[in-house]
């Protein structure tokens, strides 16, 4: 359980359902980590960029995501 859940997260998955589209709501077990800082001195700072994009965590699904609600355009 998170004390302060982030508003937005960036998550990747190995395999996604064919019916999943942009805006779909998914559920599943996810490993979340804070945005990483620069790998080398003077290189790109992902945590700085994520902060201003409103992304509080990044991670990956531990299995296949399941669609809860699919947004209809």
N, C-alpha and C. Protein backbone atom coordinates (compact mmCIF):
# COMPACT_ATOMS: atom_id res chain seq x y z
N UNK A 1 0.84 -1.18 0.00
CA UNK A 1 0.00 0.00 0.00
C UNK A 1 0.88 1.23 0.00
N UNK A 2 0.57 2.16 -0.88
CA UNK A 2 1.33 3.39 -0.98
C UNK A 2 0.77 4.45 -0.05
N UNK A 3 1.64 5.19 0.58
CA UNK A 3 1.19 6.28 1.44
C UNK A 3 0.62 7.41 0.59
N UNK A 4 1.34 7.78 -0.45
CA UNK A 4 0.88 8.82 -1.38
C UNK A 4 0.93 8.24 -2.79
N UNK A 5 -0.22 7.86 -3.29
CA UNK A 5 -0.28 7.27 -4.63
C UNK A 5 -0.09 8.35 -5.69
N UNK A 6 0.74 8.08 -6.70
CA UNK A 6 0.94 9.08 -7.76
C UNK A 6 -0.31 9.21 -8.62
N UNK A 7 -0.52 10.40 -9.14
CA UNK A 7 -1.67 10.66 -10.02
C UNK A 7 -1.53 9.93 -11.35
N UNK A 8 -0.33 9.97 -11.92
CA UNK A 8 -0.07 9.33 -13.21
C UNK A 8 1.16 8.44 -13.09
N UNK A 9 1.13 7.32 -13.80
CA UNK A 9 2.28 6.42 -13.85
C UNK A 9 2.53 6.03 -15.30
N UNK A 10 3.75 5.68 -15.60
CA UNK A 10 4.11 5.18 -16.94
C UNK A 10 4.48 3.72 -16.76
N UNK A 11 3.71 2.83 -17.43
CA UNK A 11 3.89 1.40 -17.25
C UNK A 11 4.04 0.73 -18.61
N UNK A 12 4.93 -0.25 -18.68
CA UNK A 12 5.10 -1.01 -19.91
C UNK A 12 4.66 -2.46 -19.67
N UNK A 13 4.38 -3.15 -20.77
CA UNK A 13 3.95 -4.55 -20.69
C UNK A 13 4.54 -5.31 -21.86
N UNK A 14 4.82 -6.59 -21.66
CA UNK A 14 5.34 -7.42 -22.74
C UNK A 14 4.27 -7.68 -23.79
N UNK A 15 3.06 -7.94 -23.33
CA UNK A 15 1.97 -8.29 -24.24
C UNK A 15 0.70 -7.59 -23.76
N UNK A 16 0.00 -6.94 -24.67
CA UNK A 16 -1.24 -6.27 -24.31
C UNK A 16 -2.40 -6.89 -25.09
N UNK A 17 -3.61 -6.84 -24.53
CA UNK A 17 -4.77 -7.38 -25.25
C UNK A 17 -5.00 -6.63 -26.56
N UNK A 18 -5.47 -7.34 -27.58
CA UNK A 18 -5.69 -6.73 -28.90
C UNK A 18 -6.71 -5.61 -28.86
N UNK A 19 -7.69 -5.69 -27.96
CA UNK A 19 -8.74 -4.68 -27.89
C UNK A 19 -8.34 -3.44 -27.08
N UNK A 20 -7.14 -3.40 -26.53
CA UNK A 20 -6.70 -2.24 -25.75
C UNK A 20 -6.31 -1.11 -26.69
N UNK A 21 -6.81 0.08 -26.40
CA UNK A 21 -6.50 1.27 -27.18
C UNK A 21 -6.06 2.38 -26.24
N UNK A 22 -5.63 3.49 -26.79
CA UNK A 22 -5.26 4.65 -25.97
C UNK A 22 -6.47 5.10 -25.18
N UNK A 23 -6.31 5.31 -23.89
CA UNK A 23 -7.40 5.73 -23.03
C UNK A 23 -8.08 4.58 -22.31
N UNK A 24 -7.68 3.35 -22.61
CA UNK A 24 -8.26 2.19 -21.93
C UNK A 24 -7.79 2.15 -20.47
N UNK A 25 -8.63 1.63 -19.60
CA UNK A 25 -8.27 1.47 -18.20
C UNK A 25 -7.92 0.00 -18.00
N UNK A 26 -6.74 -0.23 -17.43
CA UNK A 26 -6.27 -1.60 -17.25
C UNK A 26 -6.00 -1.88 -15.78
N UNK A 27 -5.99 -3.16 -15.44
CA UNK A 27 -5.67 -3.58 -14.09
C UNK A 27 -4.68 -4.72 -14.15
N UNK A 28 -3.95 -4.91 -13.09
CA UNK A 28 -2.97 -5.99 -13.00
C UNK A 28 -1.92 -5.63 -11.96
N UNK A 29 -1.06 -6.60 -11.67
CA UNK A 29 0.02 -6.37 -10.73
C UNK A 29 1.15 -5.64 -11.45
N UNK A 30 1.64 -4.58 -10.81
CA UNK A 30 2.65 -3.72 -11.42
C UNK A 30 3.78 -3.47 -10.43
N UNK A 31 4.99 -3.47 -10.90
CA UNK A 31 6.15 -3.10 -10.09
C UNK A 31 6.44 -1.64 -10.39
N UNK A 32 6.26 -0.77 -9.40
CA UNK A 32 6.46 0.68 -9.59
C UNK A 32 7.75 1.12 -8.90
N UNK A 33 8.44 2.02 -9.56
CA UNK A 33 9.67 2.61 -9.04
C UNK A 33 9.62 4.11 -9.25
N UNK A 34 10.31 4.87 -8.42
CA UNK A 34 10.37 6.32 -8.67
C UNK A 34 11.13 6.59 -9.96
N UNK A 35 10.82 7.69 -10.64
CA UNK A 35 11.56 8.01 -11.87
C UNK A 35 13.06 8.11 -11.59
N UNK A 36 13.86 7.54 -12.49
CA UNK A 36 15.30 7.51 -12.28
C UNK A 36 15.93 8.84 -12.67
N UNK A 37 17.04 9.13 -12.06
CA UNK A 37 17.80 10.33 -12.38
C UNK A 37 18.74 10.06 -13.55
N UNK A 38 19.67 10.97 -13.80
CA UNK A 38 20.60 10.78 -14.91
C UNK A 38 21.51 9.58 -14.67
N UNK A 39 21.80 8.84 -15.74
CA UNK A 39 22.66 7.67 -15.65
C UNK A 39 24.12 8.09 -15.55
N UNK A 40 24.49 9.10 -16.32
CA UNK A 40 25.85 9.64 -16.30
C UNK A 40 25.78 11.14 -16.04
N UNK A 41 26.84 11.73 -15.57
CA UNK A 41 26.84 13.18 -15.39
C UNK A 41 26.51 13.89 -16.71
N UNK A 42 25.69 14.90 -16.63
CA UNK A 42 25.27 15.72 -17.77
C UNK A 42 24.45 14.97 -18.82
N UNK A 43 23.90 13.79 -18.45
CA UNK A 43 23.02 13.09 -19.39
C UNK A 43 21.57 13.43 -19.08
N UNK A 44 20.64 12.86 -19.84
CA UNK A 44 19.23 13.19 -19.70
C UNK A 44 18.71 12.79 -18.32
N UNK A 45 17.96 13.67 -17.66
CA UNK A 45 17.42 13.43 -16.32
C UNK A 45 15.94 13.07 -16.44
N UNK A 46 15.63 11.77 -16.37
CA UNK A 46 14.26 11.32 -16.51
C UNK A 46 13.37 11.79 -15.36
N UNK A 47 13.92 11.89 -14.16
CA UNK A 47 13.10 12.33 -13.02
C UNK A 47 12.67 13.78 -13.18
N UNK A 48 13.53 14.62 -13.72
CA UNK A 48 13.21 16.03 -13.97
C UNK A 48 12.09 16.14 -15.00
N UNK A 49 12.23 15.40 -16.11
CA UNK A 49 11.22 15.41 -17.17
C UNK A 49 9.90 14.83 -16.67
N UNK A 50 9.95 13.74 -15.91
CA UNK A 50 8.74 13.09 -15.39
C UNK A 50 8.00 14.01 -14.42
N UNK A 51 8.73 14.74 -13.61
CA UNK A 51 8.10 15.65 -12.65
C UNK A 51 7.23 16.67 -13.37
N UNK A 52 7.76 17.28 -14.42
CA UNK A 52 7.01 18.30 -15.14
C UNK A 52 5.93 17.71 -16.04
N UNK A 53 6.03 16.42 -16.36
CA UNK A 53 4.99 15.74 -17.13
C UNK A 53 3.90 15.20 -16.21
N UNK A 54 4.10 15.31 -14.89
CA UNK A 54 3.11 14.84 -13.93
C UNK A 54 3.15 13.35 -13.68
N UNK A 55 4.25 12.70 -14.03
CA UNK A 55 4.38 11.25 -13.85
C UNK A 55 5.11 10.99 -12.53
N UNK A 56 4.43 10.29 -11.61
CA UNK A 56 4.98 10.06 -10.29
C UNK A 56 5.74 8.76 -10.14
N UNK A 57 5.61 7.84 -11.09
CA UNK A 57 6.30 6.56 -11.01
C UNK A 57 6.34 5.92 -12.39
N UNK A 58 7.25 4.98 -12.55
CA UNK A 58 7.31 4.19 -13.78
C UNK A 58 7.54 2.75 -13.39
N UNK A 59 7.17 1.83 -14.28
CA UNK A 59 7.34 0.43 -13.96
C UNK A 59 6.85 -0.47 -15.07
N UNK A 60 6.52 -1.71 -14.68
CA UNK A 60 6.10 -2.70 -15.67
C UNK A 60 5.09 -3.66 -15.05
N UNK A 61 4.25 -4.23 -15.90
CA UNK A 61 3.28 -5.23 -15.46
C UNK A 61 4.02 -6.53 -15.17
N UNK A 62 3.64 -7.22 -14.11
CA UNK A 62 4.24 -8.50 -13.77
C UNK A 62 3.55 -9.65 -14.51
N UNK A 63 2.47 -9.36 -15.19
CA UNK A 63 1.75 -10.32 -16.01
C UNK A 63 1.08 -9.56 -17.14
N UNK A 64 0.09 -10.16 -17.75
CA UNK A 64 -0.63 -9.45 -18.80
C UNK A 64 -1.68 -8.53 -18.18
N UNK A 65 -1.78 -7.28 -18.67
CA UNK A 65 -2.81 -6.38 -18.16
C UNK A 65 -4.19 -6.83 -18.61
N UNK A 66 -5.18 -6.54 -17.80
CA UNK A 66 -6.57 -6.85 -18.14
C UNK A 66 -7.35 -5.55 -18.26
N UNK A 67 -8.19 -5.45 -19.29
CA UNK A 67 -8.96 -4.23 -19.52
C UNK A 67 -10.15 -4.20 -18.58
N UNK A 68 -10.34 -3.04 -17.91
CA UNK A 68 -11.49 -2.84 -17.03
C UNK A 68 -12.58 -2.12 -17.81
N UNK A 69 -12.25 -0.97 -18.37
CA UNK A 69 -13.19 -0.17 -19.15
C UNK A 69 -12.43 0.34 -20.37
N UNK A 70 -13.02 0.23 -21.53
CA UNK A 70 -12.42 0.75 -22.74
C UNK A 70 -13.15 2.02 -23.14
N UNK A 71 -12.41 3.14 -23.25
CA UNK A 71 -13.01 4.43 -23.59
C UNK A 71 -13.45 4.40 -25.04
N UNK A 72 -14.68 4.80 -25.29
CA UNK A 72 -15.22 4.83 -26.65
C UNK A 72 -15.17 6.26 -27.17
N UNK A 73 -14.59 6.43 -28.35
CA UNK A 73 -14.45 7.77 -28.92
C UNK A 73 -15.71 8.20 -29.63
